[in-house]
Amino acid sequence: MTEAVLPEAEEKRLRDLALLVYVLQAIGFLIGLTWIVGVVINYLKIEDVRNTWLETNFNWQLRTFWLGLARMAVAWMLMVVKVGVLIGFAVTGWAIYRVAKGGLALIDRKPMYSGLV
């Protein structure tokens, strides 16, 4: 697959948009609603970054949201047996790692790998 090359101004605009989503995710640790705003932005703009290195960042952001949501749902269900709190802390740490790693890669203009980690 050939990677598309965007005009410099368009790449900057989309890179800034991806950075905005990482910021919304970071704020989401305090105000959860911003995670949803970030996901909506990802889905609305993913076609604009298709086949570029930025698509990997958008996919990373989407996976962080959906996997984090699923894992938090499991943590909530396991609150009954008291292990859910520990799982919730672990999921939060995992999400913080992914937001930081993705944001730093974006700033360095590096694509994210496609693993589910």
PDB file of N, CA and C in Angstrom:
ATOM      1  N   MET A   1       0.845  -1.176   0.000  1.00  0.00           N
ATOM      2  CA  MET A   1       0.000   0.000   0.000  1.00  0.00           C
ATOM      3  C   MET A   1       0.888   1.236   0.000  1.00  0.00           C
ATOM      4  N   THR A   2       0.552   2.178  -0.846  1.00  0.00           N
ATOM      5  CA  THR A   2       1.300   3.410  -0.949  1.00  0.00           C
ATOM      6  C   THR A   2       0.726   4.436   0.009  1.00  0.00           C
ATOM      7  N   GLU A   3       1.621   5.068   0.738  1.00  0.00           N
ATOM      8  CA  GLU A   3       1.188   6.089   1.689  1.00  0.00           C
ATOM      9  C   GLU A   3       0.931   7.397   0.954  1.00  0.00           C
ATOM     10  N   ALA A   4      -0.239   7.984   1.208  1.00  0.00           N
ATOM     11  CA  ALA A   4      -0.589   9.261   0.596  1.00  0.00           C
ATOM     12  C   ALA A   4       0.240  10.376   1.223  1.00  0.00           C
ATOM     13  N   VAL A   5       0.582  11.342   0.407  1.00  0.00           N
ATOM     14  CA  VAL A   5       1.312  12.509   0.885  1.00  0.00           C
ATOM     15  C   VAL A   5       0.362  13.696   0.836  1.00  0.00           C
ATOM     16  N   LEU A   6       0.191  14.338   1.964  1.00  0.00           N
ATOM     17  CA  LEU A   6      -0.701  15.488   2.066  1.00  0.00           C
ATOM     18  C   LEU A   6       0.076  16.774   1.847  1.00  0.00           C
ATOM     19  N   PRO A   7      -0.588  17.795   1.296  1.00  0.00           N
ATOM     20  CA  PRO A   7       0.061  19.109   1.257  1.00  0.00           C
ATOM     21  C   PRO A   7       0.411  19.540   2.686  1.00  0.00           C
ATOM     22  N   GLU A   8       1.479  20.299   2.833  1.00  0.00           N
ATOM     23  CA  GLU A   8       1.988  20.658   4.157  1.00  0.00           C
ATOM     24  C   GLU A   8       0.930  21.310   5.049  1.00  0.00           C
ATOM     25  N   ALA A   9       0.164  22.231   4.497  1.00  0.00           N
ATOM     26  CA  ALA A   9      -0.854  22.928   5.293  1.00  0.00           C
ATOM     27  C   ALA A   9      -1.953  21.961   5.741  1.00  0.00           C
ATOM     28  N   GLU A  10      -2.348  21.046   4.860  1.00  0.00           N
ATOM     29  CA  GLU A  10      -3.384  20.062   5.201  1.00  0.00           C
ATOM     30  C   GLU A  10      -2.880  19.090   6.268  1.00  0.00           C
ATOM     31  N   GLU A  11      -1.621  18.661   6.132  1.00  0.00           N
ATOM     32  CA  GLU A  11      -1.051  17.769   7.145  1.00  0.00           C
ATOM     33  C   GLU A  11      -0.996  18.460   8.503  1.00  0.00           C
ATOM     34  N   LYS A  12      -0.597  19.715   8.519  1.00  0.00           N
ATOM     35  CA  LYS A  12      -0.538  20.444   9.796  1.00  0.00           C
ATOM     36  C   LYS A  12      -1.922  20.553  10.424  1.00  0.00           C
ATOM     37  N   ARG A  13      -2.935  20.853   9.615  1.00  0.00           N
ATOM     38  CA  ARG A  13      -4.298  20.977  10.126  1.00  0.00           C
ATOM     39  C   ARG A  13      -4.768  19.658  10.733  1.00  0.00           C
ATOM     40  N   LEU A  14      -4.502  18.563  10.045  1.00  0.00           N
ATOM     41  CA  LEU A  14      -4.934  17.253  10.544  1.00  0.00           C
ATOM     42  C   LEU A  14      -4.090  16.792  11.737  1.00  0.00           C
ATOM     43  N   ARG A  15      -2.815  17.163  11.740  1.00  0.00           N
ATOM     44  CA  ARG A  15      -1.945  16.856  12.887  1.00  0.00           C
ATOM     45  C   ARG A  15      -2.430  17.617  14.119  1.00  0.00           C
ATOM     46  N   ASP A  16      -2.801  18.881  13.924  1.00  0.00           N
ATOM     47  CA  ASP A  16      -3.353  19.677  15.029  1.00  0.00           C
ATOM     48  C   ASP A  16      -4.665  19.072  15.532  1.00  0.00           C
ATOM     49  N   LEU A  17      -5.459  18.551  14.626  1.00  0.00           N
ATOM     50  CA  LEU A  17      -6.714  17.911  15.011  1.00  0.00           C
ATOM     51  C   LEU A  17      -6.448  16.650  15.840  1.00  0.00           C
ATOM     52  N   ALA A  18      -5.467  15.853  15.418  1.00  0.00           N
ATOM     53  CA  ALA A  18      -5.096  14.657  16.185  1.00  0.00           C
ATOM     54  C   ALA A  18      -4.568  15.054  17.561  1.00  0.00           C
ATOM     55  N   LEU A  19      -3.799  16.133  17.627  1.00  0.00           N
ATOM     56  CA  LEU A  19      -3.301  16.624  18.917  1.00  0.00           C
ATOM     57  C   LEU A  19      -4.463  17.064  19.802  1.00  0.00           C
ATOM     58  N   LEU A  20      -5.449  17.712  19.205  1.00  0.00           N
ATOM     59  CA  LEU A  20      -6.635  18.111  19.959  1.00  0.00           C
ATOM     60  C   LEU A  20      -7.322  16.889  20.575  1.00  0.00           C
ATOM     61  N   VAL A  21      -7.402  15.801  19.814  1.00  0.00           N
ATOM     62  CA  VAL A  21      -8.032  14.591  20.342  1.00  0.00           C
ATOM     63  C   VAL A  21      -7.219  14.033  21.511  1.00  0.00           C
ATOM     64  N   TYR A  22      -5.895  14.030  21.405  1.00  0.00           N
ATOM     65  CA  TYR A  22      -5.079  13.574  22.538  1.00  0.00           C
ATOM     66  C   TYR A  22      -5.309  14.467  23.763  1.00  0.00           C
ATOM     67  N   VAL A  23      -5.436  15.776  23.553  1.00  0.00           N
ATOM     68  CA  VAL A  23      -5.698  16.694  24.668  1.00  0.00           C
ATOM     69  C   VAL A  23      -7.074  16.402  25.264  1.00  0.00           C
ATOM     70  N   LEU A  24      -8.073  16.178  24.414  1.00  0.00           N
ATOM     71  CA  LEU A  24      -9.411  15.836  24.904  1.00  0.00           C
ATOM     72  C   LEU A  24      -9.385  14.533  25.706  1.00  0.00           C
ATOM     73  N   GLN A  25      -8.590  13.569  25.244  1.00  0.00           N
ATOM     74  CA  GLN A  25      -8.465  12.319  25.990  1.00  0.00           C
ATOM     75  C   GLN A  25      -7.819  12.573  27.339  1.00  0.00           C
ATOM     76  N   ALA A  26      -6.796  13.392  27.365  1.00  0.00           N
ATOM     77  CA  ALA A  26      -6.128  13.693  28.641  1.00  0.00           C
ATOM     78  C   ALA A  26      -7.083  14.402  29.598  1.00  0.00           C
ATOM     79  N   ILE A  27      -7.825  15.368  29.097  1.00  0.00           N
ATOM     80  CA  ILE A  27      -8.813  16.066  29.926  1.00  0.00           C
ATOM     81  C   ILE A  27      -9.890  15.085  30.377  1.00  0.00           C
ATOM     82  N   GLY A  28     -10.134  14.076  29.567  1.00  0.00           N
ATOM     83  CA  GLY A  28     -11.151  13.074  29.872  1.00  0.00           C
ATOM     84  C   GLY A  28     -10.912  12.313  31.159  1.00  0.00           C
ATOM     85  N   PHE A  29      -9.695  12.319  31.666  1.00  0.00           N
ATOM     86  CA  PHE A  29      -9.438  11.670  32.952  1.00  0.00           C
ATOM     87  C   PHE A  29     -10.092  12.450  34.088  1.00  0.00           C
ATOM     88  N   LEU A  30     -10.393  13.721  33.831  1.00  0.00           N
ATOM     89  CA  LEU A  30     -11.091  14.553  34.817  1.00  0.00           C
ATOM     90  C   LEU A  30     -12.550  14.774  34.442  1.00  0.00           C
ATOM     91  N   ILE A  31     -12.792  14.968  33.146  1.00  0.00           N
ATOM     92  CA  ILE A  31     -14.141  15.230  32.642  1.00  0.00           C
ATOM     93  C   ILE A  31     -14.406  14.215  31.533  1.00  0.00           C
ATOM     94  N   GLY A  32     -15.033  13.119  31.871  1.00  0.00           N
ATOM     95  CA  GLY A  32     -15.183  11.987  30.953  1.00  0.00           C
ATOM     96  C   GLY A  32     -15.818  12.293  29.610  1.00  0.00           C
ATOM     97  N   LEU A  33     -16.663  13.313  29.547  1.00  0.00           N
ATOM     98  CA  LEU A  33     -17.371  13.635  28.311  1.00  0.00           C
ATOM     99  C   LEU A  33     -16.428  13.978  27.166  1.00  0.00           C
ATOM    100  N   THR A  34     -15.259  14.509  27.458  1.00  0.00           N
ATOM    101  CA  THR A  34     -14.338  14.908  26.390  1.00  0.00           C
ATOM    102  C   THR A  34     -13.810  13.710  25.611  1.00  0.00           C
ATOM    103  N   TRP A  35     -13.823  12.518  26.229  1.00  0.00           N
ATOM    104  CA  TRP A  35     -13.445  11.303  25.482  1.00  0.00           C
ATOM    105  C   TRP A  35     -14.397  11.100  24.308  1.00  0.00           C
ATOM    106  N   ILE A  36     -15.679  11.311  24.548  1.00  0.00           N
ATOM    107  CA  ILE A  36     -16.686  11.111  23.505  1.00  0.00           C
ATOM    108  C   ILE A  36     -16.513  12.145  22.398  1.00  0.00           C
ATOM    109  N   VAL A  37     -16.223  13.371  22.753  1.00  0.00           N
ATOM    110  CA  VAL A  37     -15.975  14.413  21.756  1.00  0.00           C
ATOM    111  C   VAL A  37     -14.792  13.997  20.876  1.00  0.00           C
ATOM    112  N   GLY A  38     -13.736  13.486  21.477  1.00  0.00           N
ATOM    113  CA  GLY A  38     -12.574  13.040  20.722  1.00  0.00           C
ATOM    114  C   GLY A  38     -12.898  11.910  19.754  1.00  0.00           C
ATOM    115  N   VAL A  39     -13.705  10.953  20.193  1.00  0.00           N
ATOM    116  CA  VAL A  39     -14.087   9.827  19.329  1.00  0.00           C
ATOM    117  C   VAL A  39     -14.923  10.322  18.150  1.00  0.00           C
ATOM    118  N   VAL A  40     -15.821  11.252  18.413  1.00  0.00           N
ATOM    119  CA  VAL A  40     -16.642  11.812  17.327  1.00  0.00           C
ATOM    120  C   VAL A  40     -15.743  12.494  16.299  1.00  0.00           C
ATOM    121  N   ILE A  41     -14.774  13.272  16.763  1.00  0.00           N
ATOM    122  CA  ILE A  41     -13.827  13.918  15.845  1.00  0.00           C
ATOM    123  C   ILE A  41     -13.087  12.868  15.031  1.00  0.00           C
ATOM    124  N   ASN A  42     -12.604  11.811  15.685  1.00  0.00           N
ATOM    125  CA  ASN A  42     -11.897  10.741  14.967  1.00  0.00           C
ATOM    126  C   ASN A  42     -12.752  10.170  13.844  1.00  0.00           C
ATOM    127  N   TYR A  43     -13.979   9.825  14.160  1.00  0.00           N
ATOM    128  CA  TYR A  43     -14.844   9.211  13.154  1.00  0.00           C
ATOM    129  C   TYR A  43     -15.218  10.186  12.039  1.00  0.00           C
ATOM    130  N   LEU A  44     -15.394  11.458  12.364  1.00  0.00           N
ATOM    131  CA  LEU A  44     -15.748  12.439  11.335  1.00  0.00           C
ATOM    132  C   LEU A  44     -14.590  12.725  10.384  1.00  0.00           C
ATOM    133  N   LYS A  45     -13.357  12.615  10.870  1.00  0.00           N
ATOM    134  CA  LYS A  45     -12.196  13.023  10.075  1.00  0.00           C
ATOM    135  C   LYS A  45     -11.297  11.876   9.618  1.00  0.00           C
ATOM    136  N   ILE A  46     -11.638  10.639   9.933  1.00  0.00           N
ATOM    137  CA  ILE A  46     -10.724   9.539   9.602  1.00  0.00           C
ATOM    138  C   ILE A  46     -10.513   9.393   8.095  1.00  0.00           C
ATOM    139  N   GLU A  47     -11.523   9.711   7.305  1.00  0.00           N
ATOM    140  CA  GLU A  47     -11.357   9.618   5.848  1.00  0.00           C
ATOM    141  C   GLU A  47     -10.320  10.620   5.339  1.00  0.00           C
ATOM    142  N   ASP A  48     -10.196  11.751   6.006  1.00  0.00           N
ATOM    143  CA  ASP A  48      -9.225  12.768   5.595  1.00  0.00           C
ATOM    144  C   ASP A  48      -7.781  12.313   5.787  1.00  0.00           C
ATOM    145  N   VAL A  49      -7.562  11.359   6.691  1.00  0.00           N
ATOM    146  CA  VAL A  49      -6.196  10.899   6.975  1.00  0.00           C
ATOM    147  C   VAL A  49      -5.933   9.498   6.414  1.00  0.00           C
ATOM    148  N   ARG A  50      -6.907   8.948   5.693  1.00  0.00           N
ATOM    149  CA  ARG A  50      -6.778   7.583   5.169  1.00  0.00           C
ATOM    150  C   ARG A  50      -5.498   7.446   4.356  1.00  0.00           C
ATOM    151  N   ASN A  51      -4.767   6.365   4.591  1.00  0.00           N
ATOM    152  CA  ASN A  51      -3.512   6.022   3.901  1.00  0.00           C
ATOM    153  C   ASN A  51      -2.376   7.012   4.157  1.00  0.00           C
ATOM    154  N   THR A  52      -2.420   7.699   5.295  1.00  0.00           N
ATOM    155  CA  THR A  52      -1.306   8.561   5.687  1.00  0.00           C
ATOM    156  C   THR A  52      -0.805   8.081   7.047  1.00  0.00           C
ATOM    157  N   TRP A  53       0.327   8.595   7.464  1.00  0.00           N
ATOM    158  CA  TRP A  53       0.856   8.211   8.775  1.00  0.00           C
ATOM    159  C   TRP A  53      -0.072   8.681   9.888  1.00  0.00           C
ATOM    160  N   LEU A  54      -0.867   9.704   9.638  1.00  0.00           N
ATOM    161  CA  LEU A  54      -1.803  10.196  10.647  1.00  0.00           C
ATOM    162  C   LEU A  54      -2.941   9.211  10.915  1.00  0.00           C
ATOM    163  N   GLU A  55      -3.262   8.380   9.944  1.00  0.00           N
ATOM    164  CA  GLU A  55      -4.313   7.386  10.154  1.00  0.00           C
ATOM    165  C   GLU A  55      -3.953   6.454  11.310  1.00  0.00           C
ATOM    166  N   THR A  56      -2.679   6.153  11.461  1.00  0.00           N
ATOM    167  CA  THR A  56      -2.273   5.267  12.559  1.00  0.00           C
ATOM    168  C   THR A  56      -2.535   5.916  13.914  1.00  0.00           C
ATOM    169  N   ASN A  57      -2.376   7.231  14.006  1.00  0.00           N
ATOM    170  CA  ASN A  57      -2.677   7.947  15.254  1.00  0.00           C
ATOM    171  C   ASN A  57      -4.180   7.962  15.518  1.00  0.00           C
ATOM    172  N   PHE A  58      -4.974   8.188  14.490  1.00  0.00           N
ATOM    173  CA  PHE A  58      -6.421   8.165  14.655  1.00  0.00           C
ATOM    174  C   PHE A  58      -6.887   6.783  15.111  1.00  0.00           C
ATOM    175  N   ASN A  59      -6.349   5.737  14.501  1.00  0.00           N
ATOM    176  CA  ASN A  59      -6.707   4.369  14.907  1.00  0.00           C
ATOM    177  C   ASN A  59      -6.272   4.097  16.343  1.00  0.00           C
ATOM    178  N   TRP A  60      -5.107   4.575  16.718  1.00  0.00           N
ATOM    179  CA  TRP A  60      -4.594   4.416  18.084  1.00  0.00           C
ATOM    180  C   TRP A  60      -5.555   5.072  19.082  1.00  0.00           C
ATOM    181  N   GLN A  61      -6.005   6.269  18.743  1.00  0.00           N
ATOM    182  CA  GLN A  61      -6.935   6.985  19.614  1.00  0.00           C
ATOM    183  C   GLN A  61      -8.262   6.239  19.744  1.00  0.00           C
ATOM    184  N   LEU A  62      -8.766   5.733  18.629  1.00  0.00           N
ATOM    185  CA  LEU A  62     -10.024   4.988  18.667  1.00  0.00           C
ATOM    186  C   LEU A  62      -9.890   3.702  19.470  1.00  0.00           C
ATOM    187  N   ARG A  63      -8.785   2.985  19.273  1.00  0.00           N
ATOM    188  CA  ARG A  63      -8.563   1.742  20.045  1.00  0.00           C
ATOM    189  C   ARG A  63      -8.429   2.045  21.537  1.00  0.00           C
ATOM    190  N   THR A  64      -7.756   3.125  21.854  1.00  0.00           N
ATOM    191  CA  THR A  64      -7.622   3.504  23.263  1.00  0.00           C
ATOM    192  C   THR A  64      -9.001   3.709  23.879  1.00  0.00           C
ATOM    193  N   PHE A  65      -9.874   4.416  23.185  1.00  0.00           N
ATOM    194  CA  PHE A  65     -11.212   4.664  23.706  1.00  0.00           C
ATOM    195  C   PHE A  65     -12.005   3.368  23.853  1.00  0.00           C
ATOM    196  N   TRP A  66     -12.124   2.603  22.764  1.00  0.00           N
ATOM    197  CA  TRP A  66     -13.004   1.423  22.792  1.00  0.00           C
ATOM    198  C   TRP A  66     -12.482   0.322  23.701  1.00  0.00           C
ATOM    199  N   LEU A  67     -11.177   0.056  23.669  1.00  0.00           N
ATOM    200  CA  LEU A  67     -10.627  -0.965  24.569  1.00  0.00           C
ATOM    201  C   LEU A  67     -10.702  -0.508  26.019  1.00  0.00           C
ATOM    202  N   GLY A  68     -10.442   0.784  26.252  1.00  0.00           N
ATOM    203  CA  GLY A  68     -10.551   1.321  27.608  1.00  0.00           C
ATOM    204  C   GLY A  68     -11.977   1.240  28.127  1.00  0.00           C
ATOM    205  N   LEU A  69     -12.938   1.554  27.286  1.00  0.00           N
ATOM    206  CA  LEU A  69     -14.346   1.480  27.677  1.00  0.00           C
ATOM    207  C   LEU A  69     -14.737   0.046  28.023  1.00  0.00           C
ATOM    208  N   ALA A  70     -14.332  -0.897  27.185  1.00  0.00           N
ATOM    209  CA  ALA A  70     -14.651  -2.306  27.441  1.00  0.00           C
ATOM    210  C   ALA A  70     -13.997  -2.789  28.732  1.00  0.00           C
ATOM    211  N   ARG A  71     -12.749  -2.417  28.927  1.00  0.00           N
ATOM    212  CA  ARG A  71     -12.039  -2.855  30.136  1.00  0.00           C
ATOM    213  C   ARG A  71     -12.610  -2.201  31.396  1.00  0.00           C
ATOM    214  N   MET A  72     -13.045  -0.952  31.286  1.00  0.00           N
ATOM    215  CA  MET A  72     -13.674  -0.299  32.438  1.00  0.00           C
ATOM    216  C   MET A  72     -15.025  -0.932  32.754  1.00  0.00           C
ATOM    217  N   ALA A  73     -15.737  -1.365  31.717  1.00  0.00           N
ATOM    218  CA  ALA A  73     -17.012  -2.054  31.956  1.00  0.00           C
ATOM    219  C   ALA A  73     -16.781  -3.334  32.751  1.00  0.00           C
ATOM    220  N   VAL A  74     -15.725  -4.067  32.408  1.00  0.00           N
ATOM    221  CA  VAL A  74     -15.377  -5.279  33.156  1.00  0.00           C
ATOM    222  C   VAL A  74     -15.008  -4.902  34.596  1.00  0.00           C
ATOM    223  N   ALA A  75     -14.239  -3.840  34.754  1.00  0.00           N
ATOM    224  CA  ALA A  75     -13.858  -3.399  36.102  1.00  0.00           C
ATOM    225  C   ALA A  75     -15.098  -3.070  36.924  1.00  0.00           C
ATOM    226  N   TRP A  76     -16.052  -2.366  36.331  1.00  0.00           N
ATOM    227  CA  TRP A  76     -17.282  -2.025  37.050  1.00  0.00           C
ATOM    228  C   TRP A  76     -18.045  -3.280  37.455  1.00  0.00           C
ATOM    229  N   MET A  77     -18.113  -4.259  36.549  1.00  0.00           N
ATOM    230  CA  MET A  77     -18.825  -5.502  36.873  1.00  0.00           C
ATOM    231  C   MET A  77     -18.140  -6.257  38.009  1.00  0.00           C
ATOM    232  N   LEU A  78     -16.818  -6.146  38.074  1.00  0.00           N
ATOM    233  CA  LEU A  78     -16.074  -6.867  39.099  1.00  0.00           C
ATOM    234  C   LEU A  78     -15.978  -6.102  40.415  1.00  0.00           C
ATOM    235  N   MET A  79     -16.598  -4.944  40.500  1.00  0.00           N
ATOM    236  CA  MET A  79     -16.634  -4.209  41.764  1.00  0.00           C
ATOM    237  C   MET A  79     -17.320  -5.044  42.848  1.00  0.00           C
ATOM    238  N   VAL A  80     -18.231  -5.896  42.434  1.00  0.00           N
ATOM    239  CA  VAL A  80     -18.971  -6.747  43.374  1.00  0.00           C
ATOM    240  C   VAL A  80     -18.020  -7.629  44.172  1.00  0.00           C
ATOM    241  N   VAL A  81     -16.981  -8.115  43.513  1.00  0.00           N
ATOM    242  CA  VAL A  81     -16.029  -8.993  44.204  1.00  0.00           C
ATOM    243  C   VAL A  81     -14.761  -8.242  44.625  1.00  0.00           C
ATOM    244  N   LYS A  82     -14.844  -6.920  44.640  1.00  0.00           N
ATOM    245  CA  LYS A  82     -13.802  -6.031  45.166  1.00  0.00           C
ATOM    246  C   LYS A  82     -12.521  -5.943  44.333  1.00  0.00           C
ATOM    247  N   VAL A  83     -12.399  -6.740  43.285  1.00  0.00           N
ATOM    248  CA  VAL A  83     -11.199  -6.669  42.458  1.00  0.00           C
ATOM    249  C   VAL A  83     -11.349  -5.613  41.356  1.00  0.00           C
ATOM    250  N   GLY A  84     -12.570  -5.140  41.175  1.00  0.00           N
ATOM    251  CA  GLY A  84     -12.828  -4.150  40.132  1.00  0.00           C
ATOM    252  C   GLY A  84     -12.067  -2.854  40.308  1.00  0.00           C
ATOM    253  N   VAL A  85     -11.858  -2.433  41.541  1.00  0.00           N
ATOM    254  CA  VAL A  85     -11.112  -1.192  41.800  1.00  0.00           C
ATOM    255  C   VAL A  85      -9.681  -1.322  41.283  1.00  0.00           C
ATOM    256  N   LEU A  86      -9.057  -2.442  41.559  1.00  0.00           N
ATOM    257  CA  LEU A  86      -7.683  -2.664  41.078  1.00  0.00           C
ATOM    258  C   LEU A  86      -7.633  -2.689  39.552  1.00  0.00           C
ATOM    259  N   ILE A  87      -8.602  -3.355  38.953  1.00  0.00           N
ATOM    260  CA  ILE A  87      -8.648  -3.405  37.493  1.00  0.00           C
ATOM    261  C   ILE A  87      -8.884  -2.006  36.939  1.00  0.00           C
ATOM    262  N   GLY A  88      -9.758  -1.236  37.583  1.00  0.00           N
ATOM    263  CA  GLY A  88     -10.005   0.138  37.147  1.00  0.00           C
ATOM    264  C   GLY A  88      -8.747   0.996  37.187  1.00  0.00           C
ATOM    265  N   PHE A  89      -7.964   0.861  38.248  1.00  0.00           N
ATOM    266  CA  PHE A  89      -6.691   1.593  38.324  1.00  0.00           C
ATOM    267  C   PHE A  89      -5.730   1.148  37.218  1.00  0.00           C
ATOM    268  N   ALA A  90      -5.689  -0.149  36.974  1.00  0.00           N
ATOM    269  CA  ALA A  90      -4.807  -0.667  35.919  1.00  0.00           C
ATOM    270  C   ALA A  90      -5.234  -0.147  34.544  1.00  0.00           C
ATOM    271  N   VAL A  91      -6.511  -0.142  34.281  1.00  0.00           N
ATOM    272  CA  VAL A  91      -7.012   0.367  33.001  1.00  0.00           C
ATOM    273  C   VAL A  91      -6.712   1.852  32.864  1.00  0.00           C
ATOM    274  N   THR A  92      -6.879   2.608  33.923  1.00  0.00           N
ATOM    275  CA  THR A  92      -6.571   4.035  33.886  1.00  0.00           C
ATOM    276  C   THR A  92      -5.087   4.260  33.593  1.00  0.00           C
ATOM    277  N   GLY A  93      -4.222   3.501  34.238  1.00  0.00           N
ATOM    278  CA  GLY A  93      -2.781   3.603  33.970  1.00  0.00           C
ATOM    279  C   GLY A  93      -2.455   3.263  32.527  1.00  0.00           C
ATOM    280  N   TRP A  94      -3.091   2.209  32.004  1.00  0.00           N
ATOM    281  CA  TRP A  94      -2.902   1.798  30.613  1.00  0.00           C
ATOM    282  C   TRP A  94      -3.330   2.929  29.671  1.00  0.00           C
ATOM    283  N   ALA A  95      -4.476   3.559  29.957  1.00  0.00           N
ATOM    284  CA  ALA A  95      -4.974   4.630  29.101  1.00  0.00           C
ATOM    285  C   ALA A  95      -4.062   5.852  29.163  1.00  0.00           C
ATOM    286  N   ILE A  96      -3.572   6.192  30.348  1.00  0.00           N
ATOM    287  CA  ILE A  96      -2.632   7.315  30.474  1.00  0.00           C
ATOM    288  C   ILE A  96      -1.387   7.045  29.631  1.00  0.00           C
ATOM    289  N   TYR A  97      -0.877   5.832  29.703  1.00  0.00           N
ATOM    290  CA  TYR A  97       0.292   5.443  28.900  1.00  0.00           C
ATOM    291  C   TYR A  97       0.006   5.638  27.410  1.00  0.00           C
ATOM    292  N   ARG A  98      -1.152   5.168  26.947  1.00  0.00           N
ATOM    293  CA  ARG A  98      -1.481   5.246  25.522  1.00  0.00           C
ATOM    294  C   ARG A  98      -1.665   6.695  25.058  1.00  0.00           C
ATOM    295  N   VAL A  99      -2.286   7.519  25.870  1.00  0.00           N
ATOM    296  CA  VAL A  99      -2.464   8.924  25.490  1.00  0.00           C
ATOM    297  C   VAL A  99      -1.102   9.619  25.426  1.00  0.00           C
ATOM    298  N   ALA A 100      -0.255   9.382  26.410  1.00  0.00           N
ATOM    299  CA  ALA A 100       1.078  10.001  26.421  1.00  0.00           C
ATOM    300  C   ALA A 100       1.931   9.493  25.262  1.00  0.00           C
ATOM    301  N   LYS A 101       1.949   8.185  25.058  1.00  0.00           N
ATOM    302  CA  LYS A 101       2.763   7.602  23.974  1.00  0.00           C
ATOM    303  C   LYS A 101       2.296   8.107  22.615  1.00  0.00           C
ATOM    304  N   GLY A 102       0.987   8.128  22.403  1.00  0.00           N
ATOM    305  CA  GLY A 102       0.450   8.607  21.134  1.00  0.00           C
ATOM    306  C   GLY A 102       0.721  10.087  20.910  1.00  0.00           C
ATOM    307  N   GLY A 103       0.526  10.887  21.944  1.00  0.00           N
ATOM    308  CA  GLY A 103       0.778  12.318  21.820  1.00  0.00           C
ATOM    309  C   GLY A 103       2.236  12.622  21.504  1.00  0.00           C
ATOM    310  N   LEU A 104       3.131  11.915  22.161  1.00  0.00           N
ATOM    311  CA  LEU A 104       4.565  12.120  21.894  1.00  0.00           C
ATOM    312  C   LEU A 104       4.949  11.677  20.488  1.00  0.00           C
ATOM    313  N   ALA A 105       4.380  10.565  20.032  1.00  0.00           N
ATOM    314  CA  ALA A 105       4.658  10.105  18.664  1.00  0.00           C
ATOM    315  C   ALA A 105       4.141  11.122  17.653  1.00  0.00           C
ATOM    316  N   LEU A 106       2.973  11.674  17.909  1.00  0.00           N
ATOM    317  CA  LEU A 106       2.409  12.675  17.000  1.00  0.00           C
ATOM    318  C   LEU A 106       3.302  13.906  16.943  1.00  0.00           C
ATOM    319  N   ILE A 107       3.749  14.383  18.089  1.00  0.00           N
ATOM    320  CA  ILE A 107       4.632  15.553  18.131  1.00  0.00           C
ATOM    321  C   ILE A 107       5.918  15.287  17.353  1.00  0.00           C
ATOM    322  N   ASP A 108       6.422  14.033  17.428  1.00  0.00           N
ATOM    323  CA  ASP A 108       7.635  13.651  16.696  1.00  0.00           C
ATOM    324  C   ASP A 108       7.356  13.270  15.245  1.00  0.00           C
ATOM    325  N   ARG A 109       6.071  13.373  14.845  1.00  0.00           N
ATOM    326  CA  ARG A 109       5.635  13.021  13.479  1.00  0.00           C
ATOM    327  C   ARG A 109       5.927  11.570  13.143  1.00  0.00           C
ATOM    328  N   LYS A 110       5.664  10.708  14.101  1.00  0.00           N
ATOM    329  CA  LYS A 110       5.873   9.270  13.896  1.00  0.00           C
ATOM    330  C   LYS A 110       4.528   8.552  13.880  1.00  0.00           C
ATOM    331  N   PRO A 111       4.410   7.556  13.017  1.00  0.00           N
ATOM    332  CA  PRO A 111       3.170   6.777  13.027  1.00  0.00           C
ATOM    333  C   PRO A 111       3.131   5.864  14.244  1.00  0.00           C
ATOM    334  N   MET A 112       1.930   5.508  14.657  1.00  0.00           N
ATOM    335  CA  MET A 112       1.756   4.542  15.738  1.00  0.00           C
ATOM    336  C   MET A 112       1.662   3.168  15.108  1.00  0.00           C
ATOM    337  N   TYR A 113       2.080   2.149  15.825  1.00  0.00           N
ATOM    338  CA  TYR A 113       1.924   0.803  15.303  1.00  0.00           C
ATOM    339  C   TYR A 113       0.485   0.375  15.518  1.00  0.00           C
ATOM    340  N   SER A 114       0.098  -0.688  14.861  1.00  0.00           N
ATOM    341  CA  SER A 114      -1.317  -1.056  14.847  1.00  0.00           C
ATOM    342  C   SER A 114      -1.674  -2.115  15.887  1.00  0.00           C
ATOM    343  N   GLY A 115      -0.788  -2.406  16.811  1.00  0.00           N
ATOM    344  CA  GLY A 115      -1.093  -3.410  17.830  1.00  0.00           C
ATOM    345  C   GLY A 115      -2.191  -2.961  18.776  1.00  0.00           C
ATOM    346  N   LEU A 116      -2.797  -3.910  19.458  1.00  0.00           N
ATOM    347  CA  LEU A 116      -3.896  -3.615  20.360  1.00  0.00           C
ATOM    348  C   LEU A 116      -3.438  -3.282  21.771  1.00  0.00           C
ATOM    349  N   VAL A 117      -2.164  -3.217  22.013  1.00  0.00           N
ATOM    350  CA  VAL A 117      -1.641  -3.016  23.356  1.00  0.00           C
ATOM    351  C   VAL A 117      -2.144  -1.738  23.974  1.00  0.00           C
TER     352      VAL A 117
END
